[in-house]
């Protein structure tokens, strides 16, 4: 787990905790165990707004980081496939092959690229 991911998790937990505190304060307020209702209501609103905002930022960051790592994996797969394509091309395309044979090989490689692109999208 890297440092950036840890900060998103901590933000998410902190936002959730603030929302929990607001919920607990609401229960206390409804039970009538509060001396100053105005201050308590203000604190509840503050905790709900800040908790929801911090929770949103933490979750948004985790989602964005997850998408970034998936994109990096897709790029790595694509680069690996391109290297494989070059190896296959170098291995099978020799000066003695006709243009038709070379064209057929290129078409097969294009089909592999399309298949890999579809796999990445899915």
Protein backbone atom coordinates (compact mmCIF):
# COMPACT_ATOMS: atom_id res chain seq x y z
CA UNK A 1 0.00 0.00 0.00
CA UNK A 2 1.52 3.29 -1.02
CA UNK A 3 1.43 6.61 0.81
CA UNK A 4 -1.21 8.17 -1.45
CA UNK A 5 -3.58 5.23 -1.03
CA UNK A 6 -3.11 5.39 2.75
CA UNK A 7 -4.09 9.05 2.82
CA UNK A 8 -7.31 8.28 0.90
CA UNK A 9 -8.17 5.52 3.36
CA UNK A 10 -7.50 7.79 6.34
CA UNK A 11 -9.68 10.53 4.83
CA UNK A 12 -12.48 8.05 4.24
CA UNK A 13 -12.28 6.77 7.80
CA UNK A 14 -12.13 10.31 9.24
CA UNK A 15 -15.18 11.37 7.23
CA UNK A 16 -17.08 8.31 8.37
CA UNK A 17 -16.12 8.98 11.98
CA UNK A 18 -17.36 12.58 11.76
CA UNK A 19 -20.67 11.32 10.37
CA UNK A 20 -20.86 8.80 13.21
CA UNK A 21 -20.25 11.57 15.75
CA UNK A 22 -23.02 13.64 14.17
CA UNK A 23 -25.36 10.65 14.39
CA UNK A 24 -24.47 10.14 18.06
CA UNK A 25 -25.10 13.81 18.77
CA UNK A 26 -28.49 13.61 17.06
CA UNK A 27 -29.44 10.66 19.28
CA UNK A 28 -28.35 12.61 22.36
CA UNK A 29 -30.28 15.68 21.21
CA UNK A 30 -33.46 13.67 20.63
CA UNK A 31 -33.14 12.09 24.08
CA UNK A 32 -33.12 15.59 25.58
CA UNK A 33 -29.75 15.14 27.28
CA UNK A 34 -28.31 18.41 25.90
CA UNK A 35 -28.02 21.70 27.79
CA UNK A 36 -27.49 24.03 24.84
CA UNK A 37 -29.44 22.87 21.79
CA UNK A 38 -28.28 25.69 19.49
CA UNK A 39 -24.60 24.84 19.88
CA UNK A 40 -25.34 21.13 19.54
CA UNK A 41 -27.33 21.65 16.35
CA UNK A 42 -24.51 23.83 14.95
CA UNK A 43 -21.96 21.13 15.78
CA UNK A 44 -24.16 18.47 14.17
CA UNK A 45 -24.45 20.49 10.95
CA UNK A 46 -20.69 21.17 10.96
CA UNK A 47 -19.88 17.47 11.50
CA UNK A 48 -22.31 16.33 8.79
CA UNK A 49 -21.03 18.81 6.19
CA UNK A 50 -17.34 18.30 6.93
CA UNK A 51 -17.69 14.52 7.38
CA UNK A 52 -19.55 14.10 4.11
CA UNK A 53 -17.02 16.28 2.28
CA UNK A 54 -14.00 14.45 3.66
CA UNK A 55 -15.64 11.08 2.99
CA UNK A 56 -16.41 12.12 -0.60
CA UNK A 57 -12.84 13.31 -1.21
CA UNK A 58 -11.40 10.07 0.21
CA UNK A 59 -13.63 7.81 -1.87
CA UNK A 60 -13.11 9.89 -5.00
CA UNK A 61 -9.34 9.65 -4.55
CA UNK A 62 -9.45 5.88 -4.10
CA UNK A 63 -11.59 5.47 -7.23
CA UNK A 64 -9.27 7.71 -9.25
CA UNK A 65 -6.20 5.85 -8.06
CA UNK A 66 -7.83 2.51 -8.89
CA UNK A 67 -8.59 3.69 -12.41
CA UNK A 68 -5.02 4.96 -12.81
CA UNK A 69 -3.56 1.59 -11.80
CA UNK A 70 -5.92 -0.20 -14.22
CA UNK A 71 -4.77 2.12 -17.02
CA UNK A 72 -1.13 1.41 -16.18
CA UNK A 73 -1.84 -2.34 -16.33
CA UNK A 74 -3.59 -1.94 -19.69
CA UNK A 75 -0.61 0.03 -21.04
CA UNK A 76 1.78 -2.66 -19.82
CA UNK A 77 -0.33 -5.35 -21.53
CA UNK A 78 -0.42 -3.34 -24.74
CA UNK A 79 3.36 -2.85 -24.72
CA UNK A 80 3.84 -6.56 -24.10
CA UNK A 81 1.58 -7.37 -27.05
CA UNK A 82 3.44 -4.93 -29.29
CA UNK A 83 6.74 -6.57 -28.37
CA UNK A 84 5.26 -9.98 -29.13
CA UNK A 85 3.98 -8.68 -32.46
CA UNK A 86 7.46 -7.42 -33.38
CA UNK A 87 8.99 -10.77 -32.42
CA UNK A 88 6.45 -12.66 -34.51
CA UNK A 89 6.97 -10.32 -37.44
CA UNK A 90 10.75 -10.68 -37.25
CA UNK A 91 10.46 -14.45 -36.92
CA UNK A 92 8.06 -15.10 -39.79
CA UNK A 93 8.74 -12.36 -42.30
CA UNK A 94 11.80 -13.34 -44.25
CA UNK A 95 13.09 -11.90 -47.52
CA UNK A 96 11.94 -15.04 -49.35
CA UNK A 97 8.24 -14.55 -48.56
CA UNK A 98 5.93 -13.14 -51.16
CA UNK A 99 4.04 -9.89 -50.62
CA UNK A 100 0.80 -11.88 -50.28
CA UNK A 101 2.26 -13.97 -47.49
CA UNK A 102 3.54 -10.88 -45.69
CA UNK A 103 0.12 -9.23 -46.09
CA UNK A 104 -1.59 -12.33 -44.61
CA UNK A 105 0.72 -12.26 -41.61
CA UNK A 106 0.06 -8.54 -41.12
CA UNK A 107 -3.70 -9.19 -41.20
CA UNK A 108 -3.37 -11.90 -38.56
CA UNK A 109 -1.36 -9.53 -36.37
CA UNK A 110 -4.01 -6.83 -36.83
CA UNK A 111 -6.66 -9.31 -35.64
CA UNK A 112 -4.56 -10.00 -32.54
CA UNK A 113 -4.34 -6.25 -31.87
CA UNK A 114 -8.10 -5.85 -32.20
CA UNK A 115 -8.71 -8.78 -29.87
CA UNK A 116 -6.29 -7.34 -27.29
CA UNK A 117 -7.90 -3.90 -27.56
CA UNK A 118 -11.33 -5.44 -26.93
CA UNK A 119 -9.94 -7.33 -23.91
CA UNK A 120 -8.52 -4.08 -22.51
CA UNK A 121 -11.83 -2.27 -22.97
CA UNK A 122 -13.75 -5.05 -21.24
